[in-house]
Amino acid sequence: MRQAASDGPHVIVIGAGHNGLAAAAFLARNRLRVLVLEKNDYVGGMAGSREILTGCQNDVGATCLFPLAKEVIDFYDFEGMGVEYIALPVFATNLTGMNAKPLLFQTNTRKQLWSILRDYGPSALLGFIRMMKFFKYPARVMNRFTARHAPHSLEYLLANAPDEARREQLRLALTGSAMDVIDRFFPDKHRHMELRANLAFAAIQSTYKGPYSPGSAMCLVFTMAQEGSEGLMKRVRGGMGQMSEALARQITGNGGEIRLKQSVARILVENGAAVGVELKNGSIIRAPMIVSNLDKVATFDRLLAGYALPAETREKIDAIVHKGAFVHICFKLNALPQFAPRFAQLNRDPYAHFGGAMVFEPEEMQRCFELCAAGRLPPRIPIAYQFPTIMDDTLAPQGFHIATAYGFFYPCDAPKEKRGEIRDQIAELVIAQMDEYFPGFRAAIVAKAVFASDHFAAMHWATNGDFTHGVIHPEQMLGNRTLVEGTGHATPLRNLFLCGASCHPGPGVTFLPGYNCGNEVLAASRSAADDLAPQRPSHEEQAVEERTLAVAR
């Protein structure tokens, strides 16, 4: 990769995860010399792709591309950089027991509404329409897909709601339980069972709560929000890492540098400002601006150990909940198992086979969370699954397939010496459940790799293995995700910025934390340059001077 200019970088970015790369690519495009330092030997972090199982291209972390803001799409031009998207007409086939109807989530709105009407009746269709309408206002003020927006706090949004009805709507959507919302639109536990279960599942994937826990509604709104985005989830041909590789090419193509296998030991501080980094090998690299793609705890307690933060900031960081309550499993298969006979009609639609979830009633998922929080393994767990090779045969050798599965409610707070055993037990629960819905799945497994929170903590420095960099709880979202009021990415330490998912809008491969941070760093860099530069005449003053010189000549 191209070397940085000899007089050193303007900006050092710590971590080549997708948001670190997005920030660096933005700054390199704007003619700042950027140096990205990555401890691993690949880019992308938890949105990277690499060979885990022999001959396969595996995603460990993110497996689907979230909706993107139009401004992000236009700026990075991923498709122009060779990234190929794969549309998912059916982006999830969710199963709620062998006797329940499958619930398909489809890109085509008319097909989606028709399937709900056909399978669950008019009351379910009306409830779904009313629920999506209900989400619009909370989603709009959340600004999940809005570029260059410093978020307001939840308290501010509640205080400034236009009327009491909207205030109560926000209070329910952002501080109530997921079931408070779901009960409002799907009250019939029997007729609406599948919808209730799958919406409850949507509320627990990026949080550390059960669907009946106060505050879980925010995760449901966050998951369902589309306000300001350009469409629904997609696959990326060749794996999610192709997005990160495209950003890496943009960085180096614009004069930046990416150094792999370069572990940062600490951030250097002088006179209350970040001035550089020291690598694990003892090397020191200085730069006027430092950007960390790590979460707040990893940045301030690991790279700035001993630095005295303001008491209010210290308290906020200490209160962040980081929980990696999941297990991610990659499989290599020698055959593609079909749906069980009960769901045989789904085998006729390859899109329906791509992926989805295996869930159960909200009451049981609440019990799963309570067992998980007590450090115990639930008897069964909800699962998100995919067979990516159905849509992309480049991911495995000819004649083979890959599958991926997330098992939730992994008791990540269990004693460390027991977590390996529990991880393997969860893997067995996942395989048994996959084999029930897809008979022959177990027999088709050639190889597997099982990752839990300890892996994500070690490989990506994610505190407690938490891929969200702070789970989706009301008290640590929106403006409460910032450290300096009025900005999204500045920190109390001058010239240090954060660009990862610990910033607004939070988790998901949207590139917005990195893009937004790049904008803030660029503005700060230009402001600093203006302060140091000699005073330049205005356009009007320059014109007067030129006319005076002309007369003199």
Protein backbone atom coordinates (compact mmCIF):
# COMPACT_ATOMS: atom_id res chain seq x y z
CA MET A 1 0.00 0.00 0.00
CA ARG A 2 1.14 3.57 -0.72
CA GLN A 3 3.32 5.16 1.91
CA ALA A 4 2.34 8.38 3.65
CA ALA A 5 4.26 11.54 2.91
CA SER A 6 7.62 11.86 4.70
CA ASP A 7 6.49 14.75 6.91
CA GLY A 8 4.01 12.49 8.69
CA PRO A 9 0.26 12.08 8.83
CA HIS A 10 -2.30 14.73 9.62
CA VAL A 11 -4.58 12.10 11.16
CA ILE A 12 -3.96 8.68 12.73
CA VAL A 13 -6.95 6.33 12.76
CA ILE A 14 -6.73 3.49 15.28
CA GLY A 15 -8.51 0.41 13.94
CA ALA A 16 -9.41 -0.58 10.38
CA GLY A 17 -12.96 -1.64 11.12
CA HIS A 18 -15.54 -0.40 8.65
CA ASN A 19 -16.12 2.88 10.51
CA GLY A 20 -12.41 3.56 10.91
CA LEU A 21 -11.98 2.99 7.19
CA ALA A 22 -14.99 5.20 6.41
CA ALA A 23 -13.53 8.07 8.45
CA ALA A 24 -10.09 7.61 6.89
CA ALA A 25 -11.48 7.41 3.34
CA PHE A 26 -13.43 10.63 3.87
CA LEU A 27 -10.37 12.47 5.17
CA ALA A 28 -8.06 11.13 2.46
CA ARG A 29 -10.55 12.29 -0.18
CA ASN A 30 -10.32 15.73 1.41
CA ARG A 31 -6.53 15.81 1.02
CA LEU A 32 -5.48 15.05 4.58
CA ARG A 33 -2.61 12.60 5.01
CA VAL A 34 -4.15 9.66 6.85
CA LEU A 35 -2.48 6.72 8.55
CA VAL A 36 -4.67 3.76 9.62
CA LEU A 37 -3.18 1.35 12.17
CA GLU A 38 -4.75 -2.12 12.48
CA LYS A 39 -3.66 -4.84 14.91
CA ASN A 40 -4.96 -7.70 12.74
CA ASP A 41 -3.70 -8.81 9.32
CA TYR A 42 -6.93 -7.88 7.51
CA VAL A 43 -9.23 -4.87 7.25
CA GLY A 44 -12.90 -4.67 8.15
CA GLY A 45 -12.86 -5.82 11.76
CA MET A 46 -16.32 -7.14 12.59
CA ALA A 47 -17.40 -6.27 9.04
CA GLY A 48 -14.55 -8.19 7.44
CA SER A 49 -14.47 -11.42 5.44
CA ARG A 50 -11.70 -14.00 5.45
CA GLU A 51 -11.03 -17.72 5.17
CA ILE A 52 -12.00 -19.32 8.45
CA LEU A 53 -13.08 -22.71 7.08
CA THR A 54 -10.89 -24.17 4.34
CA GLY A 55 -11.69 -22.80 0.90
CA CYS A 56 -14.57 -20.63 2.19
CA GLN A 57 -15.01 -16.90 2.56
CA ASN A 58 -16.56 -16.34 5.97
CA ASP A 59 -18.04 -13.29 7.67
CA VAL A 60 -17.36 -13.19 11.40
CA GLY A 61 -19.54 -10.43 12.76
CA ALA A 62 -21.79 -8.60 10.31
CA THR A 63 -23.37 -10.80 7.63
CA CYS A 64 -25.77 -8.41 5.87
CA LEU A 65 -25.56 -4.81 4.72
CA PHE A 66 -27.90 -2.49 6.58
CA PRO A 67 -29.81 0.25 4.78
CA LEU A 68 -27.55 3.15 3.89
CA ALA A 69 -28.15 6.90 3.84
CA LYS A 70 -28.16 8.35 0.32
CA GLU A 71 -25.35 10.73 1.24
CA VAL A 72 -23.18 7.77 2.26
CA ILE A 73 -24.01 5.89 -0.96
CA ASP A 74 -23.18 8.92 -3.10
CA PHE A 75 -19.94 9.78 -1.31
CA TYR A 76 -18.29 6.36 -1.16
CA ASP A 77 -19.68 5.01 -4.46
CA PHE A 78 -19.16 1.40 -3.38
CA GLU A 79 -20.58 0.03 -6.61
CA GLY A 80 -18.22 2.23 -8.60
CA MET A 81 -15.40 0.67 -6.54
CA GLY A 82 -16.46 -2.83 -7.61
CA VAL A 83 -18.82 -3.81 -4.78
CA GLU A 84 -21.76 -5.86 -6.03
CA TYR A 85 -24.98 -5.96 -4.04
CA ILE A 86 -27.28 -8.96 -4.04
CA ALA A 87 -30.93 -8.07 -3.58
CA LEU A 88 -32.90 -10.17 -1.11
CA PRO A 89 -36.55 -10.37 -2.23
CA VAL A 90 -37.14 -12.39 0.94
CA PHE A 91 -34.65 -11.12 3.49
CA ALA A 92 -35.89 -13.28 6.35
CA THR A 93 -37.94 -16.46 6.73
CA ASN A 94 -38.78 -16.68 10.40
CA LEU A 95 -39.98 -19.90 12.01
CA THR A 96 -41.87 -20.06 15.30
CA GLY A 97 -42.19 -23.79 15.91
CA MET A 98 -43.05 -26.81 13.79
CA ASN A 99 -46.79 -26.15 14.08
CA ALA A 100 -46.68 -22.42 13.31
CA LYS A 101 -46.87 -20.65 9.98
CA PRO A 102 -43.59 -19.30 8.58
CA LEU A 103 -43.38 -15.51 8.61
CA LEU A 104 -41.63 -14.09 5.56
CA PHE A 105 -40.21 -10.55 5.55
CA GLN A 106 -40.17 -9.37 1.93
CA THR A 107 -38.77 -6.38 0.06
CA ASN A 108 -41.93 -5.90 -1.99
CA THR A 109 -44.40 -4.04 0.24
CA ARG A 110 -47.51 -5.36 -1.53
CA LYS A 111 -46.32 -8.96 -1.23
CA GLN A 112 -45.50 -8.38 2.43
CA LEU A 113 -48.91 -7.00 3.24
CA TRP A 114 -50.70 -9.70 1.22
CA SER A 115 -48.84 -12.50 3.00
CA ILE A 116 -49.76 -11.05 6.41
CA LEU A 117 -53.41 -10.77 5.37
CA ARG A 118 -53.47 -14.28 3.90
CA ASP A 119 -51.73 -16.03 6.78
CA TYR A 120 -52.83 -14.05 9.83
CA GLY A 121 -56.02 -12.23 8.89
CA PRO A 122 -57.31 -8.64 8.60
CA SER A 123 -56.65 -7.74 12.24
CA ALA A 124 -52.96 -8.65 11.85
CA LEU A 125 -52.68 -6.63 8.64
CA LEU A 126 -54.30 -3.61 10.29
CA GLY A 127 -52.01 -4.00 13.30
CA PHE A 128 -48.92 -4.18 11.09
CA ILE A 129 -49.88 -1.04 9.15
CA ARG A 130 -50.68 0.84 12.34
CA MET A 131 -47.41 -0.28 13.96
CA MET A 132 -45.28 0.89 11.03
CA LYS A 133 -47.10 4.23 11.10
CA PHE A 134 -46.49 4.43 14.86
CA PHE A 135 -42.73 3.91 14.32
CA LYS A 136 -42.36 6.80 11.87
CA TYR A 137 -42.24 9.65 14.36
CA PRO A 138 -39.79 7.99 16.82
CA ALA A 139 -37.64 6.86 13.88
CA ARG A 140 -37.58 10.39 12.47
CA VAL A 141 -36.37 12.00 15.70
CA MET A 142 -33.87 9.17 16.22
CA ASN A 143 -32.07 10.15 13.00
CA ARG A 144 -30.62 6.69 12.60
CA PHE A 145 -29.89 7.24 8.90
CA THR A 146 -29.26 10.99 8.90
CA ALA A 147 -25.76 12.10 7.96
CA ARG A 148 -23.86 14.90 9.75
CA HIS A 149 -26.31 15.22 12.61
CA ALA A 150 -25.30 15.68 16.24
CA PRO A 151 -27.99 13.80 18.18
CA HIS A 152 -30.20 15.17 20.92
CA SER A 153 -30.64 13.36 24.21
CA LEU A 154 -33.79 11.39 24.97
CA GLU A 155 -34.60 13.94 27.66
CA TYR A 156 -34.39 16.76 25.10
CA LEU A 157 -36.64 14.91 22.64
CA LEU A 158 -39.27 14.28 25.31
CA ALA A 159 -39.18 17.86 26.54
CA ASN A 160 -39.45 19.26 23.02
CA ALA A 161 -42.12 16.97 21.59
CA PRO A 162 -44.72 19.10 19.75
CA ASP A 163 -47.60 17.95 21.96
CA GLU A 164 -48.45 15.59 24.80
CA ALA A 165 -49.63 12.84 22.45
CA ARG A 166 -46.26 12.79 20.66
CA ARG A 167 -44.46 12.93 24.00
CA GLU A 168 -46.32 9.84 25.19
CA GLN A 169 -45.60 8.14 21.86
CA LEU A 170 -41.87 8.76 22.31
CA ARG A 171 -41.99 7.66 25.93
CA LEU A 172 -43.59 4.35 24.94
CA ALA A 173 -41.39 3.76 21.89
CA LEU A 174 -38.08 4.69 23.49
CA THR A 175 -38.46 3.75 27.16
CA GLY A 176 -41.24 1.13 27.33
CA SER A 177 -40.85 -2.59 26.82
CA ALA A 178 -41.09 -4.15 23.39
CA MET A 179 -44.21 -5.99 24.52
CA ASP A 180 -45.85 -2.73 25.57
CA VAL A 181 -45.66 -1.78 21.89
CA ILE A 182 -46.41 -5.22 20.44
CA ASP A 183 -49.45 -5.76 22.70
CA ARG A 184 -50.85 -2.49 21.43
CA PHE A 185 -50.96 -3.67 17.80
CA PHE A 186 -51.09 -7.48 18.10
CA PRO A 187 -53.08 -8.22 21.28
CA ASP A 188 -54.29 -11.72 20.32
CA LYS A 189 -51.69 -14.14 21.70
CA HIS A 190 -53.07 -17.01 19.63
CA ARG A 191 -53.94 -15.49 16.26
CA HIS A 192 -50.98 -13.10 16.31
CA MET A 193 -48.50 -15.53 17.85
CA GLU A 194 -45.96 -15.57 14.98
CA LEU A 195 -45.93 -11.80 14.60
CA ARG A 196 -45.61 -11.27 18.34
CA ALA A 197 -42.73 -13.72 18.63
CA ASN A 198 -40.74 -12.38 15.71
CA LEU A 199 -41.16 -8.74 16.65
CA ALA A 200 -40.08 -9.64 20.20
CA PHE A 201 -36.99 -11.29 18.70
CA ALA A 202 -36.20 -8.09 16.76
CA ALA A 203 -36.12 -6.27 20.10
CA ILE A 204 -33.46 -8.41 21.80
CA GLN A 205 -30.70 -8.88 19.22
CA SER A 206 -28.63 -5.77 20.04
CA THR A 207 -29.55 -5.30 23.67
CA TYR A 208 -29.23 -7.01 27.01
CA LYS A 209 -32.89 -7.28 27.89
CA GLY A 210 -35.86 -9.54 27.39
CA PRO A 211 -38.87 -8.40 25.37
CA TYR A 212 -40.78 -7.61 28.58
CA SER A 213 -37.88 -5.60 30.07
CA PRO A 214 -38.38 -1.83 30.30
CA GLY A 215 -36.38 -0.07 27.59
CA SER A 216 -36.44 -2.94 25.09
CA ALA A 217 -38.89 -1.04 22.87
CA MET A 218 -36.05 1.22 21.73
CA CYS A 219 -34.23 -1.73 20.14
CA LEU A 220 -37.45 -2.71 18.33
CA VAL A 221 -37.86 0.81 16.91
CA PHE A 222 -34.14 0.94 16.04
CA THR A 223 -34.43 -2.37 14.16
CA MET A 224 -37.60 -1.48 12.27
CA ALA A 225 -36.68 2.14 11.48
CA GLN A 226 -36.24 2.97 7.81
CA GLU A 227 -36.55 6.76 8.05
CA GLY A 228 -33.91 8.42 5.85
CA SER A 229 -32.47 5.18 4.46
CA GLU A 230 -32.26 3.89 0.91
CA GLY A 231 -34.00 0.53 1.11
CA LEU A 232 -33.72 -2.73 3.04
CA MET A 233 -30.94 -5.15 3.91
CA LYS A 234 -28.80 -6.73 1.16
CA ARG A 235 -25.99 -9.24 0.80
CA VAL A 236 -22.63 -8.26 -0.65
CA ARG A 237 -21.15 -10.63 -3.24
CA GLY A 238 -17.96 -12.08 -1.85
CA GLY A 239 -18.86 -11.20 1.74
CA MET A 240 -19.19 -8.07 3.84
CA GLY A 241 -15.44 -7.56 3.72
CA GLN A 242 -15.74 -6.36 0.12
CA MET A 243 -17.13 -3.07 1.45
CA SER A 244 -14.13 -2.62 3.72
CA GLU A 245 -11.69 -3.57 0.94
CA ALA A 246 -13.30 -0.91 -1.28
CA LEU A 247 -12.75 1.71 1.41
CA ALA A 248 -9.13 0.58 1.83
CA ARG A 249 -8.58 1.11 -1.91
CA GLN A 250 -10.05 4.60 -1.64
CA ILE A 251 -7.69 5.45 1.22
CA THR A 252 -4.52 4.32 -0.50
CA GLY A 253 -5.68 5.70 -3.85
CA ASN A 254 -5.92 9.13 -2.25
CA GLY A 255 -2.49 9.05 -0.65
CA GLY A 256 -3.34 7.47 2.68
CA GLU A 257 -1.63 4.51 4.26
CA ILE A 258 -2.91 1.40 6.03
CA ARG A 259 -0.51 -0.58 8.19
CA LEU A 260 -1.64 -4.04 9.24
CA LYS A 261 -0.34 -5.97 12.25
CA GLN A 262 0.39 -2.68 14.02
CA SER A 263 -0.97 -2.79 17.55
CA VAL A 264 -1.36 0.56 19.32
CA ALA A 265 -0.28 0.39 22.97
CA ARG A 266 -1.27 3.90 24.03
CA ILE A 267 -2.33 7.33 22.88
CA LEU A 268 0.22 10.05 23.66
CA VAL A 269 -0.97 13.16 25.49
CA GLU A 270 0.79 16.48 25.89
CA ASN A 271 -0.67 19.66 27.38
CA GLY A 272 -4.20 18.26 27.41
CA ALA A 273 -4.18 17.17 23.76
CA ALA A 274 -3.68 13.89 21.89
CA VAL A 275 -0.46 14.20 19.88
CA GLY A 276 0.32 10.70 18.65
CA VAL A 277 0.47 7.00 19.47
CA GLU A 278 2.98 4.51 20.76
CA LEU A 279 2.88 1.08 19.15
CA LYS A 280 3.33 -2.19 20.99
CA ASN A 281 6.83 -2.46 19.47
CA GLY A 282 7.80 0.88 21.06
CA SER A 283 7.59 2.99 17.91
CA ILE A 284 6.09 6.45 18.27
CA ILE A 285 4.08 8.16 15.54
CA ARG A 286 2.90 11.72 15.99
CA ALA A 287 -0.05 13.48 14.36
CA PRO A 288 -2.18 16.59 15.06
CA MET A 289 -5.41 14.55 15.14
CA ILE A 290 -6.12 11.06 16.54
CA VAL A 291 -9.28 9.07 15.74
CA SER A 292 -10.18 5.89 17.65
CA ASN A 293 -12.45 3.29 16.11
CA LEU A 294 -12.55 1.44 19.45
CA ASP A 295 -15.37 1.74 21.95
CA LYS A 296 -15.16 4.28 24.77
CA VAL A 297 -13.95 1.84 27.44
CA ALA A 298 -11.27 0.35 25.18
CA THR A 299 -10.14 3.84 24.17
CA PHE A 300 -10.02 5.52 27.57
CA ASP A 301 -9.26 2.61 29.90
CA ARG A 302 -6.87 0.76 27.62
CA LEU A 303 -5.16 3.28 25.33
CA LEU A 304 -5.38 6.17 27.80
CA ALA A 305 -4.95 4.25 31.06
CA GLY A 306 -4.19 6.72 33.82
CA TYR A 307 -5.45 9.78 31.97
CA ALA A 308 -7.76 11.77 34.28
CA LEU A 309 -11.07 12.43 32.57
CA PRO A 310 -13.59 14.99 33.83
CA ALA A 311 -15.72 13.41 36.54
CA GLU A 312 -18.92 13.59 34.48
CA THR A 313 -17.26 11.84 31.51
CA ARG A 314 -15.69 9.22 33.77
CA GLU A 315 -19.08 8.47 35.29
CA LYS A 316 -20.72 8.16 31.88
CA ILE A 317 -18.08 5.73 30.58
CA ASP A 318 -18.18 3.62 33.75
CA ALA A 319 -21.97 3.28 33.39
CA ILE A 320 -21.90 1.88 29.82
CA VAL A 321 -23.38 -1.62 29.55
CA HIS A 322 -21.29 -3.87 27.29
CA LYS A 323 -22.64 -7.40 26.88
CA GLY A 324 -21.76 -9.88 24.16
CA ALA A 325 -24.63 -12.27 24.88
CA PHE A 326 -24.38 -14.26 21.66
CA VAL A 327 -22.47 -17.04 19.93
CA HIS A 328 -21.64 -16.85 16.22
CA ILE A 329 -21.03 -20.10 14.34
CA CYS A 330 -19.68 -20.60 10.82
CA PHE A 331 -20.40 -23.93 9.09
CA LYS A 332 -19.01 -25.60 5.97
CA LEU A 333 -21.51 -28.07 4.49
CA ASN A 334 -21.17 -30.75 1.84
CA ALA A 335 -24.87 -30.43 0.93
CA LEU A 336 -27.66 -27.90 1.22
CA PRO A 337 -30.33 -29.27 3.55
CA GLN A 338 -33.94 -28.60 2.63
CA PHE A 339 -36.74 -27.38 4.86
CA ALA A 340 -38.56 -30.04 6.89
CA PRO A 341 -41.67 -31.54 5.22
CA ARG A 342 -43.87 -29.27 7.33
CA PHE A 343 -42.40 -26.30 5.40
CA ALA A 344 -41.87 -28.05 2.07
CA GLN A 345 -43.55 -25.22 0.14
CA LEU A 346 -40.60 -22.98 1.08
CA ASN A 347 -38.20 -25.24 -0.81
CA ARG A 348 -39.74 -24.06 -4.06
CA ASP A 349 -38.52 -20.50 -3.44
CA PRO A 350 -34.71 -20.19 -3.22
CA TYR A 351 -35.06 -16.71 -1.77
CA ALA A 352 -37.05 -18.12 1.16
CA HIS A 353 -34.15 -20.50 1.83
CA PHE A 354 -31.54 -17.77 2.27
CA GLY A 355 -31.99 -17.06 5.97
CA GLY A 356 -34.13 -15.88 8.82
CA ALA A 357 -34.74 -16.77 12.44
CA MET A 358 -35.96 -19.57 14.68
CA VAL A 359 -37.85 -18.09 17.60
CA PHE A 360 -40.56 -18.79 20.17
CA GLU A 361 -43.13 -16.99 22.29
CA PRO A 362 -42.08 -13.72 23.97
CA GLU A 363 -42.72 -15.13 27.45
CA GLU A 364 -40.13 -17.86 26.87
CA MET A 365 -37.60 -15.40 25.42
CA GLN A 366 -38.02 -13.30 28.57
CA ARG A 367 -37.23 -16.39 30.68
CA CYS A 368 -34.18 -17.03 28.44
CA PHE A 369 -32.89 -13.54 29.20
CA GLU A 370 -33.42 -13.94 32.93
CA LEU A 371 -31.48 -17.23 32.92
CA CYS A 372 -28.76 -15.63 30.81
CA ALA A 373 -28.47 -12.68 33.21
CA ALA A 374 -28.13 -15.16 36.08
CA GLY A 375 -25.20 -16.84 34.30
CA ARG A 376 -27.19 -19.93 33.28
CA LEU A 377 -27.75 -21.47 29.86
CA PRO A 378 -31.41 -21.51 28.72
CA PRO A 379 -32.77 -24.92 27.62
CA ARG A 380 -33.26 -23.54 24.10
CA ILE A 381 -32.34 -20.27 22.45
CA PRO A 382 -33.54 -18.10 19.56
CA ILE A 383 -31.37 -18.27 16.46
CA ALA A 384 -30.69 -16.10 13.42
CA TYR A 385 -29.40 -18.16 10.49
CA GLN A 386 -28.25 -17.84 6.86
CA PHE A 387 -27.22 -20.04 3.94
CA PRO A 388 -25.33 -17.32 2.00
CA THR A 389 -24.18 -19.61 -0.82
CA ILE A 390 -27.78 -19.83 -2.03
CA MET A 391 -27.30 -16.25 -3.25
CA ASP A 392 -23.52 -16.25 -3.77
CA ASP A 393 -21.69 -19.37 -4.92
CA THR A 394 -18.29 -17.60 -4.73
CA LEU A 395 -18.19 -18.15 -0.95
CA ALA A 396 -17.42 -21.91 -0.96
CA PRO A 397 -15.71 -24.46 -3.20
CA GLN A 398 -17.83 -26.15 -5.84
CA GLY A 399 -20.10 -28.75 -4.26
CA PHE A 400 -20.04 -27.09 -0.84
CA HIS A 401 -22.14 -24.51 0.99
CA ILE A 402 -21.62 -22.31 4.00
CA ALA A 403 -24.08 -21.51 6.74
CA THR A 404 -23.89 -19.04 9.57
CA ALA A 405 -25.89 -18.84 12.79
CA TYR A 406 -26.17 -16.53 15.77
CA GLY A 407 -27.40 -18.05 19.01
CA PHE A 408 -28.68 -15.53 21.55
CA PHE A 409 -28.80 -15.37 25.35
CA TYR A 410 -25.31 -16.75 25.79
CA PRO A 411 -24.56 -16.18 29.51
CA CYS A 412 -21.52 -13.98 28.91
CA ASP A 413 -21.20 -13.16 32.63
CA ALA A 414 -20.70 -16.80 33.62
CA PRO A 415 -17.33 -17.51 35.27
CA LYS A 416 -14.59 -17.41 32.63
CA GLU A 417 -13.53 -20.99 33.28
CA LYS A 418 -17.06 -22.18 32.38
CA ARG A 419 -17.66 -20.06 29.30
CA GLY A 420 -15.89 -22.38 26.86
CA GLU A 421 -18.06 -25.31 27.94
CA ILE A 422 -21.21 -23.18 27.74
CA ARG A 423 -20.19 -21.95 24.29
CA ASP A 424 -19.93 -25.53 23.05
CA GLN A 425 -23.29 -26.37 24.63
CA ILE A 426 -24.88 -23.46 22.78
CA ALA A 427 -23.31 -24.69 19.54
CA GLU A 428 -25.00 -28.03 20.11
CA LEU A 429 -28.35 -26.31 20.79
CA VAL A 430 -27.97 -24.40 17.51
CA ILE A 431 -27.11 -27.52 15.51
CA ALA A 432 -30.00 -29.49 17.02
CA GLN A 433 -32.47 -26.72 16.20
CA MET A 434 -31.10 -26.27 12.67
CA ASP A 435 -31.37 -30.02 12.16
CA GLU A 436 -35.01 -29.96 13.24
CA TYR A 437 -36.01 -27.33 10.70
CA PHE A 438 -33.51 -28.53 8.06
CA PRO A 439 -33.24 -32.35 8.41
CA GLY A 440 -29.78 -33.52 7.42
CA PHE A 441 -28.07 -30.31 8.54
CA ARG A 442 -25.98 -32.08 11.19
CA ALA A 443 -24.90 -34.79 8.76
CA ALA A 444 -23.85 -32.19 6.17
CA ILE A 445 -21.42 -30.40 8.51
CA VAL A 446 -17.83 -30.77 7.28
CA ALA A 447 -16.32 -28.17 9.60
CA LYS A 448 -17.42 -25.44 11.97
CA ALA A 449 -15.94 -22.53 13.92
CA VAL A 450 -17.60 -21.21 17.07
CA PHE A 451 -17.02 -17.65 18.29
CA ALA A 452 -18.31 -16.09 21.50
CA SER A 453 -17.78 -12.80 23.31
CA ASP A 454 -14.26 -13.68 24.48
CA HIS A 455 -13.18 -14.04 20.85
CA PHE A 456 -14.63 -10.68 19.81
CA ALA A 457 -12.98 -9.07 22.84
CA ALA A 458 -9.55 -10.52 21.99
CA MET A 459 -9.67 -10.11 18.21
CA HIS A 460 -11.35 -6.72 17.96
CA TRP A 461 -10.84 -5.17 21.41
CA ALA A 462 -14.61 -4.93 21.78
CA THR A 463 -15.27 -4.53 25.50
CA ASN A 464 -16.84 -7.76 26.81
CA GLY A 465 -17.13 -8.87 23.16
CA ASP A 466 -19.94 -6.37 22.59
CA PHE A 467 -20.22 -5.71 18.85
CA THR A 468 -22.63 -2.82 19.51
CA HIS A 469 -19.97 -0.83 21.46
CA GLY A 470 -22.67 -0.22 24.06
CA VAL A 471 -25.93 -2.14 23.81
CA ILE A 472 -29.13 -0.43 22.69
CA HIS A 473 -30.51 0.80 25.99
CA PRO A 474 -32.32 4.16 26.18
CA GLU A 475 -29.84 5.68 28.63
CA GLN A 476 -26.89 5.10 26.28
CA MET A 477 -28.33 5.99 22.90
CA LEU A 478 -28.93 9.16 20.87
CA GLY A 479 -27.33 12.18 22.57
CA ASN A 480 -26.28 10.01 25.50
CA ARG A 481 -23.86 8.29 23.12
CA THR A 482 -21.83 11.49 22.83
CA LEU A 483 -19.17 12.81 25.22
CA VAL A 484 -19.15 16.49 24.26
CA GLU A 485 -22.47 18.26 23.91
CA GLY A 486 -23.25 19.52 20.43
CA THR A 487 -20.89 17.09 18.67
CA GLY A 488 -21.13 13.44 17.76
CA HIS A 489 -17.47 12.45 17.97
CA ALA A 490 -15.32 14.90 19.95
CA THR A 491 -13.97 13.89 23.36
CA PRO A 492 -12.85 15.90 26.40
CA LEU A 493 -9.27 15.21 25.29
CA ARG A 494 -8.43 17.83 22.68
CA ASN A 495 -7.73 16.46 19.17
CA LEU A 496 -9.04 12.98 20.02
CA PHE A 497 -12.19 11.80 18.26
CA LEU A 498 -14.22 8.58 18.31
CA CYS A 499 -15.57 7.14 15.04
CA GLY A 500 -16.95 3.69 15.86
CA ALA A 501 -20.32 2.21 16.79
CA SER A 502 -19.96 3.71 20.28
CA CYS A 503 -21.01 6.95 18.57
CA HIS A 504 -24.45 7.88 17.24
CA PRO A 505 -26.30 6.27 15.52
CA GLY A 506 -24.71 3.14 16.98
CA PRO A 507 -24.41 -0.44 15.73
CA GLY A 508 -25.09 -1.75 12.24
CA VAL A 509 -23.02 -1.52 9.07
CA THR A 510 -24.25 1.93 8.01
CA PHE A 511 -20.82 3.67 7.83
CA LEU A 512 -22.47 6.74 9.38
CA PRO A 513 -20.33 6.94 12.55
CA GLY A 514 -17.20 6.93 10.41
CA TYR A 515 -18.55 9.31 7.78
CA ASN A 516 -19.90 11.74 10.36
CA CYS A 517 -16.65 11.63 12.33
CA GLY A 518 -14.67 12.35 9.17
CA ASN A 519 -16.72 15.50 8.69
CA GLU A 520 -16.06 16.65 12.27
CA VAL A 521 -12.33 15.95 12.08
CA LEU A 522 -12.05 17.78 8.76
CA ALA A 523 -13.82 20.82 10.22
CA ALA A 524 -11.56 20.74 13.30
CA SER A 525 -8.47 20.38 11.14
CA ARG A 526 -9.41 23.36 8.96
CA SER A 527 -10.21 25.44 12.03
CA ALA A 528 -6.81 24.64 13.54
CA ALA A 529 -5.08 25.47 10.24
CA ASP A 530 -6.91 28.79 10.06
CA ASP A 531 -5.79 29.66 13.59
CA LEU A 532 -2.14 29.02 12.68
CA ALA A 533 -2.17 30.54 9.19
CA PRO A 534 -1.16 34.17 8.52
CA GLN A 535 -4.14 36.48 8.22
CA ARG A 536 -5.31 36.46 4.60
CA PRO A 537 -7.08 39.41 3.01
CA SER A 538 -10.74 39.01 2.12
CA HIS A 539 -11.82 38.82 -1.52
CA GLU A 540 -12.84 42.49 -1.32
CA GLU A 541 -9.54 43.53 0.27
CA GLN A 542 -7.59 41.55 -2.31
CA ALA A 543 -9.51 43.23 -5.16
CA VAL A 544 -8.74 46.70 -3.74
CA GLU A 545 -5.06 45.77 -3.42
CA GLU A 546 -4.90 44.53 -7.02
CA ARG A 547 -6.52 47.75 -8.29
CA THR A 548 -4.04 49.83 -6.25
CA LEU A 549 -1.09 47.91 -7.71
CA ALA A 550 -2.48 48.34 -11.22
CA VAL A 551 -2.71 52.11 -10.76
CA ALA A 552 0.82 52.23 -9.35
CA ARG A 553 2.15 50.39 -12.38
